[in-house]
C-alpha cells in the first residue's frame, strides 16, 4: 500500500454521530499556531458510525507524495 506513512496532525473532538448520506467537512490546523495546513477533507458517510478523531497524514504511494485527511471511528 503506502511506502511511507507519517502522521502530521491528530485531533480528538466530541463524538459526531453520522448516518449514511451525511457529509462531514474537516479542516486541519497546526496545533501550535492554529494556522491552516494545506488540506481539507470532506467525508461522505456510507454507513452509520460515530467519529471522534481526525488525522492529517503524509505518505508516499507509487513514488509520489500524498497528503490526506481522515476521520476515525470511535472505539
N, C-alpha and C. Protein backbone atom coordinates (compact mmCIF):
# COMPACT_ATOMS: atom_id res chain seq x y z
N UNK A 1 0.84 -1.17 0.00
CA UNK A 1 0.00 0.00 0.00
C UNK A 1 0.89 1.24 0.00
N UNK A 2 1.06 1.91 1.15
CA UNK A 2 1.91 3.09 1.22
C UNK A 2 3.34 2.66 1.50
N UNK A 3 4.30 3.30 0.80
CA UNK A 3 5.71 3.01 1.02
C UNK A 3 6.17 3.65 2.34
N UNK A 4 5.69 4.84 2.62
CA UNK A 4 6.00 5.55 3.86
C UNK A 4 4.72 6.21 4.33
N UNK A 5 4.55 6.35 5.64
CA UNK A 5 3.36 6.97 6.22
C UNK A 5 3.80 7.80 7.41
N UNK A 6 3.47 9.09 7.41
CA UNK A 6 3.85 9.98 8.50
C UNK A 6 2.62 10.73 8.98
N UNK A 7 2.34 10.64 10.26
CA UNK A 7 1.24 11.38 10.86
C UNK A 7 1.69 12.83 11.05
N UNK A 8 0.95 13.79 10.48
CA UNK A 8 1.30 15.21 10.60
C UNK A 8 0.53 15.86 11.74
N UNK A 9 -0.72 15.53 11.87
CA UNK A 9 -1.55 16.11 12.93
C UNK A 9 -2.67 15.16 13.29
N UNK A 10 -3.07 15.25 14.54
CA UNK A 10 -4.15 14.38 15.02
C UNK A 10 -4.91 15.14 16.09
N UNK A 11 -6.23 15.07 16.05
CA UNK A 11 -7.05 15.83 16.99
C UNK A 11 -8.29 15.06 17.38
N UNK A 12 -8.58 15.04 18.67
CA UNK A 12 -9.80 14.42 19.19
C UNK A 12 -10.86 15.49 19.34
N UNK A 13 -12.13 15.12 19.20
CA UNK A 13 -13.23 16.06 19.37
C UNK A 13 -14.42 15.32 19.94
N UNK A 14 -15.44 16.08 20.32
CA UNK A 14 -16.66 15.45 20.84
C UNK A 14 -17.23 14.53 19.77
N UNK A 15 -17.71 13.35 20.15
CA UNK A 15 -18.22 12.40 19.16
C UNK A 15 -19.30 13.00 18.26
N UNK A 16 -19.22 12.67 16.98
CA UNK A 16 -20.21 13.10 15.99
C UNK A 16 -20.86 11.84 15.44
N UNK A 17 -22.18 11.79 15.50
CA UNK A 17 -22.92 10.63 15.01
C UNK A 17 -23.30 10.87 13.55
N UNK A 18 -22.86 9.99 12.68
CA UNK A 18 -23.16 10.08 11.25
C UNK A 18 -24.07 8.95 10.83
N UNK A 19 -24.93 9.22 9.88
CA UNK A 19 -25.74 8.17 9.25
C UNK A 19 -25.43 8.20 7.75
N UNK A 20 -25.77 7.14 7.07
CA UNK A 20 -25.50 7.06 5.63
C UNK A 20 -26.05 8.30 4.92
N UNK A 21 -25.23 8.91 4.08
CA UNK A 21 -25.62 10.10 3.34
C UNK A 21 -25.16 11.40 3.98
N UNK A 22 -24.74 11.37 5.25
CA UNK A 22 -24.22 12.58 5.90
C UNK A 22 -22.87 12.95 5.32
N UNK A 23 -22.57 14.24 5.33
CA UNK A 23 -21.25 14.74 4.93
C UNK A 23 -20.64 15.46 6.11
N UNK A 24 -19.34 15.28 6.29
CA UNK A 24 -18.61 15.94 7.36
C UNK A 24 -17.41 16.63 6.72
N UNK A 25 -17.31 17.95 6.92
CA UNK A 25 -16.20 18.72 6.36
C UNK A 25 -15.21 18.98 7.48
N UNK A 26 -13.97 18.55 7.29
CA UNK A 26 -12.94 18.69 8.32
C UNK A 26 -11.81 19.55 7.78
N UNK A 27 -11.44 20.59 8.52
CA UNK A 27 -10.30 21.42 8.17
C UNK A 27 -9.20 21.13 9.19
N UNK A 28 -7.99 20.94 8.71
CA UNK A 28 -6.88 20.58 9.58
C UNK A 28 -6.03 21.80 9.89
N UNK A 29 -5.70 21.97 11.14
CA UNK A 29 -4.89 23.09 11.61
C UNK A 29 -3.62 22.58 12.28
N UNK A 30 -2.59 23.43 12.28
CA UNK A 30 -1.39 23.10 13.06
C UNK A 30 -1.69 23.42 14.51
N UNK A 31 -1.42 22.50 15.39
CA UNK A 31 -1.75 22.67 16.81
C UNK A 31 -1.12 23.91 17.44
N UNK A 32 0.16 24.15 17.19
CA UNK A 32 0.88 25.20 17.91
C UNK A 32 0.48 26.61 17.51
N UNK A 33 -0.02 26.83 16.30
CA UNK A 33 -0.33 28.19 15.86
C UNK A 33 -1.77 28.39 15.42
N UNK A 34 -2.48 27.32 15.15
CA UNK A 34 -3.82 27.46 14.62
C UNK A 34 -3.84 27.75 13.13
N UNK A 35 -2.65 27.80 12.51
CA UNK A 35 -2.53 28.07 11.09
C UNK A 35 -3.07 26.88 10.28
N UNK A 36 -3.81 27.16 9.24
CA UNK A 36 -4.39 26.10 8.41
C UNK A 36 -3.29 25.36 7.66
N UNK A 37 -3.33 24.05 7.73
CA UNK A 37 -2.44 23.20 6.94
C UNK A 37 -3.11 23.02 5.58
N UNK A 38 -2.35 22.75 4.56
CA UNK A 38 -2.87 22.72 3.19
C UNK A 38 -3.74 21.51 2.89
N UNK A 39 -4.67 21.21 3.76
CA UNK A 39 -5.51 20.05 3.50
C UNK A 39 -6.87 20.22 4.16
N UNK A 40 -7.89 19.94 3.42
CA UNK A 40 -9.24 19.86 3.94
C UNK A 40 -9.82 18.57 3.41
N UNK A 41 -10.72 17.98 4.15
CA UNK A 41 -11.33 16.74 3.71
C UNK A 41 -12.84 16.80 3.90
N UNK A 42 -13.55 16.27 2.94
CA UNK A 42 -15.00 16.13 3.05
C UNK A 42 -15.28 14.64 3.07
N UNK A 43 -15.85 14.17 4.14
CA UNK A 43 -16.12 12.75 4.32
C UNK A 43 -17.61 12.51 4.10
N UNK A 44 -17.94 11.61 3.20
CA UNK A 44 -19.33 11.23 2.96
C UNK A 44 -19.56 9.86 3.58
N UNK A 45 -20.41 9.82 4.58
CA UNK A 45 -20.66 8.56 5.29
C UNK A 45 -21.47 7.62 4.40
N UNK A 46 -21.03 6.38 4.35
CA UNK A 46 -21.76 5.36 3.61
C UNK A 46 -22.49 4.41 4.54
N UNK A 47 -22.25 4.58 5.84
CA UNK A 47 -22.93 3.76 6.84
C UNK A 47 -22.98 4.55 8.14
N UNK A 48 -23.81 4.13 9.06
CA UNK A 48 -23.88 4.81 10.35
C UNK A 48 -22.61 4.55 11.13
N UNK A 49 -22.08 5.60 11.74
CA UNK A 49 -20.89 5.46 12.58
C UNK A 49 -20.75 6.68 13.47
N UNK A 50 -19.92 6.54 14.49
CA UNK A 50 -19.60 7.65 15.39
C UNK A 50 -18.11 7.91 15.25
N UNK A 51 -17.75 9.16 14.94
CA UNK A 51 -16.34 9.52 14.80
C UNK A 51 -15.96 10.50 15.91
N UNK A 52 -14.70 10.40 16.36
CA UNK A 52 -14.25 11.29 17.43
C UNK A 52 -12.79 11.72 17.28
N UNK A 53 -12.24 11.52 16.09
CA UNK A 53 -10.84 11.86 15.88
C UNK A 53 -10.59 12.14 14.40
N UNK A 54 -9.73 13.11 14.13
CA UNK A 54 -9.34 13.43 12.75
C UNK A 54 -7.82 13.36 12.66
N UNK A 55 -7.32 12.95 11.50
CA UNK A 55 -5.88 12.84 11.31
C UNK A 55 -5.50 13.39 9.94
N UNK A 56 -4.39 14.12 9.92
CA UNK A 56 -3.78 14.59 8.69
C UNK A 56 -2.51 13.78 8.51
N UNK A 57 -2.27 13.28 7.30
CA UNK A 57 -1.09 12.46 7.09
C UNK A 57 -0.40 12.77 5.78
N UNK A 58 0.87 12.39 5.74
CA UNK A 58 1.69 12.47 4.53
C UNK A 58 2.18 11.06 4.26
N UNK A 59 2.18 10.66 3.01
CA UNK A 59 2.62 9.31 2.67
C UNK A 59 3.28 9.33 1.30
N UNK A 60 3.88 8.21 0.95
CA UNK A 60 4.43 8.02 -0.39
C UNK A 60 3.72 6.82 -1.00
N UNK A 61 3.16 7.02 -2.18
CA UNK A 61 2.43 5.97 -2.89
C UNK A 61 2.90 5.96 -4.33
N UNK A 62 3.37 4.83 -4.79
CA UNK A 62 3.90 4.70 -6.15
C UNK A 62 4.95 5.77 -6.45
N UNK A 63 5.77 6.08 -5.44
CA UNK A 63 6.84 7.04 -5.62
C UNK A 63 6.42 8.50 -5.59
N UNK A 64 5.14 8.77 -5.28
CA UNK A 64 4.64 10.15 -5.25
C UNK A 64 4.15 10.50 -3.85
N UNK A 65 4.38 11.77 -3.46
CA UNK A 65 3.94 12.23 -2.14
C UNK A 65 2.43 12.42 -2.14
N UNK A 66 1.82 12.04 -1.04
CA UNK A 66 0.37 12.14 -0.86
C UNK A 66 0.10 12.90 0.44
N UNK A 67 -0.82 13.86 0.41
CA UNK A 67 -1.33 14.50 1.62
C UNK A 67 -2.79 14.12 1.73
N UNK A 68 -3.21 13.73 2.91
CA UNK A 68 -4.60 13.33 3.05
C UNK A 68 -5.12 13.55 4.44
N UNK A 69 -6.40 13.44 4.57
CA UNK A 69 -7.05 13.57 5.86
C UNK A 69 -8.10 12.50 6.01
N UNK A 70 -8.37 12.12 7.25
CA UNK A 70 -9.39 11.13 7.51
C UNK A 70 -9.95 11.31 8.92
N UNK A 71 -11.14 10.79 9.11
CA UNK A 71 -11.70 10.74 10.46
C UNK A 71 -11.71 9.28 10.89
N UNK A 72 -11.61 9.07 12.20
CA UNK A 72 -11.55 7.71 12.74
C UNK A 72 -12.79 7.42 13.56
N UNK A 73 -13.28 6.22 13.42
CA UNK A 73 -14.43 5.77 14.17
C UNK A 73 -14.08 5.66 15.65
N UNK A 74 -15.02 6.05 16.50
CA UNK A 74 -14.83 5.96 17.95
C UNK A 74 -14.72 4.49 18.34
N UNK A 75 -13.79 4.19 19.24
CA UNK A 75 -13.61 2.82 19.73
C UNK A 75 -14.73 2.44 20.66
